[in-house]
Amino acid sequence: QVQLVESGGGLVQAGGSLNLSCLASGIPFRTVNLAWFRQSLEDRREIVADIRAGGRVNIADPVKVRFAISRDNAKNALFLPMTDVDERDTGTYYCNLLYPLTNPWGQGTQVTVSS
């Protein structure tokens, strides 16, 4: 059974930092391409960053110099260090396969940035 559990969100002031984590089970973690997504109240879910099984990384333009993505295959863990956050980064953050298709989603972790 696939399970994705995100954590690390919270309330942070603009300019601050957070480090999101995702623990996965039920997938062949080290062989799949993974991604972080976020969804605000007004917008559709959008991709924030992805990391391929081979380690190649892509970061979305709005967060390119502020966020990073990494993975620990030994721990089935995915990370999203966030720095210099601003109010546009407010939303619920999810991890999943890069192309989730029918893969279930976790509960996400809420990030709220205050000015």
C-alpha atoms as a PDB file:
ATOM      1  CA  GLN A   1       0.000   0.000   0.000  1.00  0.00           C
ATOM      2  CA  VAL A   2       1.383   3.357  -1.040  1.00  0.00           C
ATOM      3  CA  GLN A   3       1.738   5.887   1.738  1.00  0.00           C
ATOM      4  CA  LEU A   4       3.180   9.381   1.589  1.00  0.00           C
ATOM      5  CA  VAL A   5       3.551  11.395   4.770  1.00  0.00           C
ATOM      6  CA  GLU A   6       4.603  15.021   4.568  1.00  0.00           C
ATOM      7  CA  SER A   7       5.802  17.051   7.536  1.00  0.00           C
ATOM      8  CA  GLY A   8       7.729  20.143   8.471  1.00  0.00           C
ATOM      9  CA  GLY A   9       5.245  22.829   7.560  1.00  0.00           C
ATOM     10  CA  GLY A  10       4.100  25.590   9.845  1.00  0.00           C
ATOM     11  CA  LEU A  11       3.774  29.308  10.304  1.00  0.00           C
ATOM     12  CA  VAL A  12       6.841  31.265   9.289  1.00  0.00           C
ATOM     13  CA  GLN A  13       7.589  34.923   8.788  1.00  0.00           C
ATOM     14  CA  ALA A  14       8.490  36.242   5.380  1.00  0.00           C
ATOM     15  CA  GLY A  15      12.195  35.825   4.834  1.00  0.00           C
ATOM     16  CA  GLY A  16      12.363  32.776   7.050  1.00  0.00           C
ATOM     17  CA  SER A  17      13.121  29.142   6.320  1.00  0.00           C
ATOM     18  CA  LEU A  18      11.468  25.755   6.568  1.00  0.00           C
ATOM     19  CA  ASN A  19      12.569  22.238   5.747  1.00  0.00           C
ATOM     20  CA  LEU A  20       9.818  19.949   4.538  1.00  0.00           C
ATOM     21  CA  SER A  21      10.137  16.183   4.690  1.00  0.00           C
ATOM     22  CA  CYS A  22       8.291  13.324   3.079  1.00  0.00           C
ATOM     23  CA  LEU A  23       8.460   9.683   4.066  1.00  0.00           C
ATOM     24  CA  ALA A  24       7.284   7.199   1.482  1.00  0.00           C
ATOM     25  CA  SER A  25       6.376   3.544   1.619  1.00  0.00           C
ATOM     26  CA  GLY A  26       4.892   1.106  -0.841  1.00  0.00           C
ATOM     27  CA  ILE A  27       6.833   2.412  -3.840  1.00  0.00           C
ATOM     28  CA  PRO A  28      10.234   1.394  -5.265  1.00  0.00           C
ATOM     29  CA  PHE A  29      11.631   4.631  -3.897  1.00  0.00           C
ATOM     30  CA  ARG A  30      15.160   4.599  -5.247  1.00  0.00           C
ATOM     31  CA  THR A  31      14.036   3.919  -8.818  1.00  0.00           C
ATOM     32  CA  VAL A  32      11.294   6.515  -9.232  1.00  0.00           C
ATOM     33  CA  ASN A  33      11.267  10.194 -10.089  1.00  0.00           C
ATOM     34  CA  LEU A  34       9.796  12.277  -7.290  1.00  0.00           C
ATOM     35  CA  ALA A  35       8.457  15.769  -6.866  1.00  0.00           C
ATOM     36  CA  TRP A  36       7.092  18.329  -4.463  1.00  0.00           C
ATOM     37  CA  PHE A  37       3.839  20.034  -5.350  1.00  0.00           C
ATOM     38  CA  ARG A  38       1.929  22.838  -3.697  1.00  0.00           C
ATOM     39  CA  GLN A  39      -1.615  24.072  -3.773  1.00  0.00           C
ATOM     40  CA  SER A  40      -2.977  27.355  -2.536  1.00  0.00           C
ATOM     41  CA  LEU A  41      -6.643  28.054  -1.896  1.00  0.00           C
ATOM     42  CA  GLU A  42      -7.016  29.868  -5.195  1.00  0.00           C
ATOM     43  CA  ASP A  43      -4.794  27.856  -7.480  1.00  0.00           C
ATOM     44  CA  ARG A  44      -4.500  24.402  -8.893  1.00  0.00           C
ATOM     45  CA  ARG A  45      -1.821  22.092  -7.614  1.00  0.00           C
ATOM     46  CA  GLU A  46       1.511  23.051  -9.166  1.00  0.00           C
ATOM     47  CA  ILE A  47       4.885  21.418  -9.215  1.00  0.00           C
ATOM     48  CA  VAL A  48       7.596  23.064  -7.142  1.00  0.00           C
ATOM     49  CA  ALA A  49      10.596  20.837  -7.730  1.00  0.00           C
ATOM     50  CA  ASP A  50      11.441  17.372  -8.919  1.00  0.00           C
ATOM     51  CA  ILE A  51      14.354  15.014  -8.525  1.00  0.00           C
ATOM     52  CA  ARG A  52      14.988  12.114 -10.822  1.00  0.00           C
ATOM     53  CA  ALA A  53      16.081   8.668  -9.743  1.00  0.00           C
ATOM     54  CA  GLY A  54      19.529   9.458 -11.068  1.00  0.00           C
ATOM     55  CA  GLY A  55      19.702  12.644  -9.011  1.00  0.00           C
ATOM     56  CA  ARG A  56      19.013  15.306 -11.625  1.00  0.00           C
ATOM     57  CA  VAL A  57      17.057  18.191 -10.178  1.00  0.00           C
ATOM     58  CA  ASN A  58      14.564  20.674 -11.620  1.00  0.00           C
ATOM     59  CA  ILE A  59      13.292  23.639  -9.651  1.00  0.00           C
ATOM     60  CA  ALA A  60      10.311  25.738 -10.733  1.00  0.00           C
ATOM     61  CA  ASP A  61      11.162  29.289 -11.748  1.00  0.00           C
ATOM     62  CA  PRO A  62       9.222  31.054  -8.938  1.00  0.00           C
ATOM     63  CA  VAL A  63      11.333  29.299  -6.305  1.00  0.00           C
ATOM     64  CA  LYS A  64      14.467  28.509  -8.249  1.00  0.00           C
ATOM     65  CA  VAL A  65      17.001  30.345  -6.076  1.00  0.00           C
ATOM     66  CA  ARG A  66      15.168  29.863  -2.795  1.00  0.00           C
ATOM     67  CA  PHE A  67      14.159  26.206  -2.640  1.00  0.00           C
ATOM     68  CA  ALA A  68      16.076  22.988  -3.119  1.00  0.00           C
ATOM     69  CA  ILE A  69      15.126  19.332  -3.308  1.00  0.00           C
ATOM     70  CA  SER A  70      16.981  16.255  -2.158  1.00  0.00           C
ATOM     71  CA  ARG A  71      16.332  12.613  -1.439  1.00  0.00           C
ATOM     72  CA  ASP A  72      17.696   9.958   0.864  1.00  0.00           C
ATOM     73  CA  ASN A  73      17.067   6.621  -0.796  1.00  0.00           C
ATOM     74  CA  ALA A  74      18.244   4.704   2.264  1.00  0.00           C
ATOM     75  CA  LYS A  75      15.471   6.280   4.313  1.00  0.00           C
ATOM     76  CA  ASN A  76      12.805   6.565   1.605  1.00  0.00           C
ATOM     77  CA  ALA A  77      12.773  10.275   2.337  1.00  0.00           C
ATOM     78  CA  LEU A  78      12.344  13.361   0.208  1.00  0.00           C
ATOM     79  CA  PHE A  79      13.206  16.873   1.375  1.00  0.00           C
ATOM     80  CA  LEU A  80      12.390  20.441   0.410  1.00  0.00           C
ATOM     81  CA  PRO A  81      14.545  23.047   2.118  1.00  0.00           C
ATOM     82  CA  MET A  82      12.866  26.417   1.719  1.00  0.00           C
ATOM     83  CA  THR A  83      14.633  29.715   2.314  1.00  0.00           C
ATOM     84  CA  ASP A  84      13.624  33.370   2.028  1.00  0.00           C
ATOM     85  CA  VAL A  85       9.973  32.446   1.877  1.00  0.00           C
ATOM     86  CA  ASP A  86       7.312  34.977   1.011  1.00  0.00           C
ATOM     87  CA  GLU A  87       3.535  35.087   1.078  1.00  0.00           C
ATOM     88  CA  ARG A  88       3.277  33.537  -2.373  1.00  0.00           C
ATOM     89  CA  ASP A  89       4.715  30.355  -0.886  1.00  0.00           C
ATOM     90  CA  THR A  90       1.702  29.871   1.348  1.00  0.00           C
ATOM     91  CA  GLY A  91      -0.108  26.653   0.581  1.00  0.00           C
ATOM     92  CA  THR A  92      -0.300  22.945   1.215  1.00  0.00           C
ATOM     93  CA  TYR A  93       2.760  21.039   0.087  1.00  0.00           C
ATOM     94  CA  TYR A  94       2.638  17.470  -1.150  1.00  0.00           C
ATOM     95  CA  CYS A  95       5.174  14.933  -2.302  1.00  0.00           C
ATOM     96  CA  ASN A  96       4.466  12.325  -4.929  1.00  0.00           C
ATOM     97  CA  LEU A  97       5.778  10.666  -8.024  1.00  0.00           C
ATOM     98  CA  LEU A  98       6.734  13.177 -10.687  1.00  0.00           C
ATOM     99  CA  TYR A  99       3.787  11.878 -12.738  1.00  0.00           C
ATOM    100  CA  PRO A 100       1.366  10.715 -10.048  1.00  0.00           C
ATOM    101  CA  LEU A 101      -1.348   9.371 -12.390  1.00  0.00           C
ATOM    102  CA  THR A 102      -3.395   7.198 -10.010  1.00  0.00           C
ATOM    103  CA  ASN A 103      -0.845   7.216  -7.184  1.00  0.00           C
ATOM    104  CA  PRO A 104      -2.583   8.360  -4.028  1.00  0.00           C
ATOM    105  CA  TRP A 105      -1.776  11.683  -2.380  1.00  0.00           C
ATOM    106  CA  GLY A 106      -0.850  12.208   1.230  1.00  0.00           C
ATOM    107  CA  GLN A 107      -2.417  14.756   3.538  1.00  0.00           C
ATOM    108  CA  GLY A 108       0.214  17.344   2.722  1.00  0.00           C
ATOM    109  CA  THR A 109       1.834  19.799   5.092  1.00  0.00           C
ATOM    110  CA  GLN A 110       0.591  23.346   5.435  1.00  0.00           C
ATOM    111  CA  VAL A 111       2.965  26.272   5.019  1.00  0.00           C
ATOM    112  CA  THR A 112       1.734  29.702   5.993  1.00  0.00           C
ATOM    113  CA  VAL A 113       3.938  32.715   5.457  1.00  0.00           C
ATOM    114  CA  SER A 114       3.122  35.865   7.351  1.00  0.00           C
ATOM    115  CA  SER A 115       4.303  39.312   6.389  1.00  0.00           C
END
